[in-house]
Amino acid sequence: MSAQPIQSSDDALRDSVPAESGEVAFPGRPDVAVEMRQLDFLLGDFRIEYTNLTTETVTTGEATCSTRPLADGRFYELTQRVPVPGLVATWLIGWSDVDNRFVSFYYDDWGHHGRFTGPGWVDGHFKLTGDSAVFGARHGFVEDFEIVDSDHLVKHGFVVVGDDLVPGDILHFHRI
């Protein structure tokens, strides 16, 4: 038995599009979205001072973060290393021409994962909103970045509880 290609019922989904000459022409690779420049504030290495507001007693600590471009600049990979409690978290952030907004995928070495979207900079804030599967449940989150100056950014994290945004953390990123 030979394998048959999978086709949609109307045969509309294809890898390529026919050209007038009758030859198969593949779509061209698009340019990197100009919107990606909005994320340049995240590029580089940072020392993070964090305050965790989700624990019974507010905790503070230090972490590191490094952000680099991937896929020829179509995505940025932001990796945070938090020594206590011992967590490595990664965000992939890129522009979606289809959705006309930023998309972000989160995962960490504890098995947590999530998806977020945002319009880009609005009124001095770069916000990503979405949900994550963390600590055995799914929760809504808002991550709100602001630039203090070229070497300092702050992120306020919020947990969605009903119709309310409850402060979850505050991270001060200091460029190193």
C-alpha atoms as a PDB file:
ATOM      1  CA  MET A   1       0.000   0.000   0.000  1.00  0.00           C
ATOM      2  CA  SER A   2       1.518   3.352  -0.992  1.00  0.00           C
ATOM      3  CA  ALA A   3       1.058   6.488   1.062  1.00  0.00           C
ATOM      4  CA  GLN A   4      -1.325   9.018  -0.412  1.00  0.00           C
ATOM      5  CA  PRO A   5      -0.826  12.751   0.131  1.00  0.00           C
ATOM      6  CA  ILE A   6      -3.273  14.315   2.547  1.00  0.00           C
ATOM      7  CA  GLN A   7      -5.540  16.768   0.772  1.00  0.00           C
ATOM      8  CA  SER A   8      -8.381  18.927   1.946  1.00  0.00           C
ATOM      9  CA  SER A   9     -11.800  18.258   0.532  1.00  0.00           C
ATOM     10  CA  ASP A  10     -11.540  21.264  -1.761  1.00  0.00           C
ATOM     11  CA  ASP A  11      -7.813  20.741  -2.411  1.00  0.00           C
ATOM     12  CA  ALA A  12      -7.239  24.375  -1.331  1.00  0.00           C
ATOM     13  CA  LEU A  13      -4.298  23.692   0.979  1.00  0.00           C
ATOM     14  CA  ARG A  14      -1.051  23.296  -0.937  1.00  0.00           C
ATOM     15  CA  ASP A  15       2.675  23.760  -0.428  1.00  0.00           C
ATOM     16  CA  SER A  16       2.929  25.840  -3.554  1.00  0.00           C
ATOM     17  CA  VAL A  17       0.856  27.870  -5.954  1.00  0.00           C
ATOM     18  CA  PRO A  18       0.640  27.342  -9.708  1.00  0.00           C
ATOM     19  CA  ALA A  19       2.349  29.934 -11.902  1.00  0.00           C
ATOM     20  CA  GLU A  20       0.936  31.061 -15.243  1.00  0.00           C
ATOM     21  CA  SER A  21       3.699  29.138 -17.005  1.00  0.00           C
ATOM     22  CA  GLY A  22       2.380  25.917 -15.556  1.00  0.00           C
ATOM     23  CA  GLU A  23       5.463  25.517 -13.354  1.00  0.00           C
ATOM     24  CA  VAL A  24       5.111  25.270  -9.614  1.00  0.00           C
ATOM     25  CA  ALA A  25       6.195  28.451  -7.804  1.00  0.00           C
ATOM     26  CA  PHE A  26       6.862  28.526  -4.083  1.00  0.00           C
ATOM     27  CA  PRO A  27       5.860  31.580  -2.045  1.00  0.00           C
ATOM     28  CA  GLY A  28       8.762  33.931  -1.312  1.00  0.00           C
ATOM     29  CA  ARG A  29      10.169  34.344   2.168  1.00  0.00           C
ATOM     30  CA  PRO A  30       8.717  37.506   3.699  1.00  0.00           C
ATOM     31  CA  ASP A  31      10.844  40.260   5.160  1.00  0.00           C
ATOM     32  CA  VAL A  32      11.183  40.480   8.933  1.00  0.00           C
ATOM     33  CA  ALA A  33       8.241  42.498  10.233  1.00  0.00           C
ATOM     34  CA  VAL A  34       9.183  46.096  11.039  1.00  0.00           C
ATOM     35  CA  GLU A  35       7.149  45.696  14.243  1.00  0.00           C
ATOM     36  CA  MET A  36       9.952  43.520  15.647  1.00  0.00           C
ATOM     37  CA  ARG A  37      11.952  46.727  16.244  1.00  0.00           C
ATOM     38  CA  GLN A  38       9.516  47.410  19.109  1.00  0.00           C
ATOM     39  CA  LEU A  39      11.195  44.561  21.010  1.00  0.00           C
ATOM     40  CA  ASP A  40      14.743  45.909  20.744  1.00  0.00           C
ATOM     41  CA  PHE A  41      14.478  47.182  24.325  1.00  0.00           C
ATOM     42  CA  LEU A  42      14.680  43.534  25.438  1.00  0.00           C
ATOM     43  CA  LEU A  43      17.899  42.656  23.585  1.00  0.00           C
ATOM     44  CA  GLY A  44      21.009  41.991  25.665  1.00  0.00           C
ATOM     45  CA  ASP A  45      21.919  40.786  29.118  1.00  0.00           C
ATOM     46  CA  PHE A  46      20.274  41.944  32.335  1.00  0.00           C
ATOM     47  CA  ARG A  47      20.512  41.540  36.079  1.00  0.00           C
ATOM     48  CA  ILE A  48      17.006  41.314  37.559  1.00  0.00           C
ATOM     49  CA  GLU A  49      15.875  42.423  40.992  1.00  0.00           C
ATOM     50  CA  TYR A  50      12.518  40.789  41.601  1.00  0.00           C
ATOM     51  CA  THR A  51       9.728  40.978  44.125  1.00  0.00           C
ATOM     52  CA  ASN A  52       7.340  38.016  44.233  1.00  0.00           C
ATOM     53  CA  LEU A  53       3.941  39.133  45.512  1.00  0.00           C
ATOM     54  CA  THR A  54       2.238  35.724  45.150  1.00  0.00           C
ATOM     55  CA  THR A  55       3.762  34.096  48.232  1.00  0.00           C
ATOM     56  CA  GLU A  56       2.271  34.402  51.721  1.00  0.00           C
ATOM     57  CA  THR A  57       5.286  36.492  52.721  1.00  0.00           C
ATOM     58  CA  VAL A  58       6.548  38.786  49.949  1.00  0.00           C
ATOM     59  CA  THR A  59       9.903  37.501  48.711  1.00  0.00           C
ATOM     60  CA  THR A  60      12.711  39.242  46.858  1.00  0.00           C
ATOM     61  CA  GLY A  61      15.754  38.051  45.006  1.00  0.00           C
ATOM     62  CA  GLU A  62      18.016  38.369  42.016  1.00  0.00           C
ATOM     63  CA  ALA A  63      18.006  36.632  38.663  1.00  0.00           C
ATOM     64  CA  THR A  64      19.521  37.075  35.215  1.00  0.00           C
ATOM     65  CA  CYS A  65      18.018  37.465  31.784  1.00  0.00           C
ATOM     66  CA  SER A  66      19.420  37.274  28.286  1.00  0.00           C
ATOM     67  CA  THR A  67      17.540  38.081  25.074  1.00  0.00           C
ATOM     68  CA  ARG A  68      18.692  37.286  21.553  1.00  0.00           C
ATOM     69  CA  PRO A  69      17.123  37.248  18.087  1.00  0.00           C
ATOM     70  CA  LEU A  70      16.163  33.912  16.476  1.00  0.00           C
ATOM     71  CA  ALA A  71      15.018  32.927  12.969  1.00  0.00           C
ATOM     72  CA  ASP A  72      16.790  35.885  11.345  1.00  0.00           C
ATOM     73  CA  GLY A  73      15.107  38.289  13.792  1.00  0.00           C
ATOM     74  CA  ARG A  74      11.564  37.007  13.349  1.00  0.00           C
ATOM     75  CA  PHE A  75      11.452  35.972  17.017  1.00  0.00           C
ATOM     76  CA  TYR A  76      13.302  37.045  20.146  1.00  0.00           C
ATOM     77  CA  GLU A  77      14.184  34.491  22.805  1.00  0.00           C
ATOM     78  CA  LEU A  78      14.207  35.844  26.349  1.00  0.00           C
ATOM     79  CA  THR A  79      15.675  33.430  28.907  1.00  0.00           C
ATOM     80  CA  GLN A  80      15.439  34.112  32.646  1.00  0.00           C
ATOM     81  CA  ARG A  81      17.491  32.190  35.181  1.00  0.00           C
ATOM     82  CA  VAL A  82      16.126  32.393  38.721  1.00  0.00           C
ATOM     83  CA  PRO A  83      18.575  30.726  41.161  1.00  0.00           C
ATOM     84  CA  VAL A  84      16.021  30.502  43.986  1.00  0.00           C
ATOM     85  CA  PRO A  85      13.880  28.434  43.578  1.00  0.00           C
ATOM     86  CA  GLY A  86      15.938  27.145  40.625  1.00  0.00           C
ATOM     87  CA  LEU A  87      13.993  27.937  37.469  1.00  0.00           C
ATOM     88  CA  VAL A  88      14.925  28.596  33.851  1.00  0.00           C
ATOM     89  CA  ALA A  89      12.084  30.282  31.952  1.00  0.00           C
ATOM     90  CA  THR A  90      11.996  31.069  28.233  1.00  0.00           C
ATOM     91  CA  TRP A  91       9.785  33.424  26.252  1.00  0.00           C
ATOM     92  CA  LEU A  92       9.645  33.374  22.454  1.00  0.00           C
ATOM     93  CA  ILE A  93       8.148  36.619  21.177  1.00  0.00           C
ATOM     94  CA  GLY A  94       7.460  37.535  17.556  1.00  0.00           C
ATOM     95  CA  TRP A  95       5.151  39.508  15.310  1.00  0.00           C
ATOM     96  CA  SER A  96       2.256  37.716  13.599  1.00  0.00           C
ATOM     97  CA  ASP A  97       1.233  39.295  10.297  1.00  0.00           C
ATOM     98  CA  VAL A  98      -1.809  37.001  10.297  1.00  0.00           C
ATOM     99  CA  ASP A  99      -3.009  38.179  13.726  1.00  0.00           C
ATOM    100  CA  ASN A 100      -1.605  41.719  13.404  1.00  0.00           C
ATOM    101  CA  ARG A 101      -0.170  41.507  16.919  1.00  0.00           C
ATOM    102  CA  PHE A 102       2.712  40.105  18.904  1.00  0.00           C
ATOM    103  CA  VAL A 103       2.535  36.450  19.874  1.00  0.00           C
ATOM    104  CA  SER A 104       4.488  34.886  22.687  1.00  0.00           C
ATOM    105  CA  PHE A 105       5.077  31.355  23.865  1.00  0.00           C
ATOM    106  CA  TYR A 106       6.322  30.651  27.397  1.00  0.00           C
ATOM    107  CA  TYR A 107       7.859  27.507  28.820  1.00  0.00           C
ATOM    108  CA  ASP A 108      10.129  26.625  31.722  1.00  0.00           C
ATOM    109  CA  ASP A 109      12.080  23.682  33.076  1.00  0.00           C
ATOM    110  CA  TRP A 110       9.348  22.970  35.645  1.00  0.00           C
ATOM    111  CA  GLY A 111       6.930  22.073  32.841  1.00  0.00           C
ATOM    112  CA  HIS A 112       4.885  25.287  32.915  1.00  0.00           C
ATOM    113  CA  HIS A 113       3.785  26.728  29.572  1.00  0.00           C
ATOM    114  CA  GLY A 114       1.618  29.477  28.181  1.00  0.00           C
ATOM    115  CA  ARG A 115       0.568  31.642  25.218  1.00  0.00           C
ATOM    116  CA  PHE A 116       0.252  35.416  25.154  1.00  0.00           C
ATOM    117  CA  THR A 117      -0.542  38.183  22.681  1.00  0.00           C
ATOM    118  CA  GLY A 118      -0.268  41.951  22.621  1.00  0.00           C
ATOM    119  CA  PRO A 119      -0.598  44.902  20.251  1.00  0.00           C
ATOM    120  CA  GLY A 120       2.867  46.352  20.890  1.00  0.00           C
ATOM    121  CA  TRP A 121       3.641  49.661  22.577  1.00  0.00           C
ATOM    122  CA  VAL A 122       0.543  51.555  23.707  1.00  0.00           C
ATOM    123  CA  ASP A 123       0.788  54.645  25.930  1.00  0.00           C
ATOM    124  CA  GLY A 124       4.315  53.768  27.105  1.00  0.00           C
ATOM    125  CA  HIS A 125       3.515  50.132  27.935  1.00  0.00           C
ATOM    126  CA  PHE A 126       4.323  46.882  26.144  1.00  0.00           C
ATOM    127  CA  LYS A 127       1.730  44.407  27.435  1.00  0.00           C
ATOM    128  CA  LEU A 128       1.315  40.707  26.798  1.00  0.00           C
ATOM    129  CA  THR A 129      -1.919  39.058  27.919  1.00  0.00           C
ATOM    130  CA  GLY A 130      -2.682  35.353  27.999  1.00  0.00           C
ATOM    131  CA  ASP A 131      -2.740  32.266  30.118  1.00  0.00           C
ATOM    132  CA  SER A 132      -0.330  29.689  31.431  1.00  0.00           C
ATOM    133  CA  ALA A 133      -0.551  26.233  32.904  1.00  0.00           C
ATOM    134  CA  VAL A 134       1.404  26.675  36.143  1.00  0.00           C
ATOM    135  CA  PHE A 135       1.474  24.843  39.476  1.00  0.00           C
ATOM    136  CA  GLY A 136      -1.227  22.394  38.399  1.00  0.00           C
ATOM    137  CA  ALA A 137      -3.795  24.892  37.101  1.00  0.00           C
ATOM    138  CA  ARG A 138      -4.400  27.363  34.285  1.00  0.00           C
ATOM    139  CA  HIS A 139      -4.230  31.067  35.171  1.00  0.00           C
ATOM    140  CA  GLY A 140      -4.613  34.298  33.231  1.00  0.00           C
ATOM    141  CA  PHE A 141      -1.707  36.752  33.300  1.00  0.00           C
ATOM    142  CA  VAL A 142      -0.803  40.245  32.117  1.00  0.00           C
ATOM    143  CA  GLU A 143       2.877  41.152  31.706  1.00  0.00           C
ATOM    144  CA  ASP A 144       3.353  44.941  31.533  1.00  0.00           C
ATOM    145  CA  PHE A 145       6.774  46.298  30.494  1.00  0.00           C
ATOM    146  CA  GLU A 146       7.886  49.932  30.801  1.00  0.00           C
ATOM    147  CA  ILE A 147      11.231  51.498  29.887  1.00  0.00           C
ATOM    148  CA  VAL A 148      12.749  53.545  32.709  1.00  0.00           C
ATOM    149  CA  ASP A 149      15.836  54.414  30.634  1.00  0.00           C
ATOM    150  CA  SER A 150      18.085  52.662  28.084  1.00  0.00           C
ATOM    151  CA  ASP A 151      19.650  50.483  30.808  1.00  0.00           C
ATOM    152  CA  HIS A 152      16.634  49.870  33.054  1.00  0.00           C
ATOM    153  CA  LEU A 153      13.205  48.391  32.400  1.00  0.00           C
ATOM    154  CA  VAL A 154      10.520  47.292  34.782  1.00  0.00           C
ATOM    155  CA  LYS A 155       7.910  44.565  34.348  1.00  0.00           C
ATOM    156  CA  HIS A 156       4.771  44.387  36.452  1.00  0.00           C
ATOM    157  CA  GLY A 157       3.134  40.966  36.356  1.00  0.00           C
ATOM    158  CA  PHE A 158      -0.531  40.503  37.185  1.00  0.00           C
ATOM    159  CA  VAL A 159      -2.661  37.413  37.785  1.00  0.00           C
ATOM    160  CA  VAL A 160      -6.226  37.552  36.448  1.00  0.00           C
ATOM    161  CA  VAL A 161      -8.690  36.699  39.224  1.00  0.00           C
ATOM    162  CA  GLY A 162     -12.259  37.063  37.976  1.00  0.00           C
ATOM    163  CA  ASP A 163     -12.493  40.610  36.646  1.00  0.00           C
ATOM    164  CA  ASP A 164      -9.534  41.815  38.729  1.00  0.00           C
ATOM    165  CA  LEU A 165      -5.805  42.072  38.036  1.00  0.00           C
ATOM    166  CA  VAL A 166      -3.938  41.056  41.186  1.00  0.00           C
ATOM    167  CA  PRO A 167      -0.267  42.127  41.373  1.00  0.00           C
ATOM    168  CA  GLY A 168       1.952  39.047  41.045  1.00  0.00           C
ATOM    169  CA  ASP A 169       5.490  40.321  40.681  1.00  0.00           C
ATOM    170  CA  ILE A 170       7.696  43.295  39.939  1.00  0.00           C
ATOM    171  CA  LEU A 171      10.934  42.800  38.019  1.00  0.00           C
ATOM    172  CA  HIS A 172      13.559  45.492  37.536  1.00  0.00           C
ATOM    173  CA  PHE A 173      15.839  44.654  34.601  1.00  0.00           C
ATOM    174  CA  HIS A 174      19.267  46.364  34.748  1.00  0.00           C
ATOM    175  CA  ARG A 175      21.401  46.066  31.613  1.00  0.00           C
ATOM    176  CA  ILE A 176      24.860  44.574  32.237  1.00  0.00           C
END
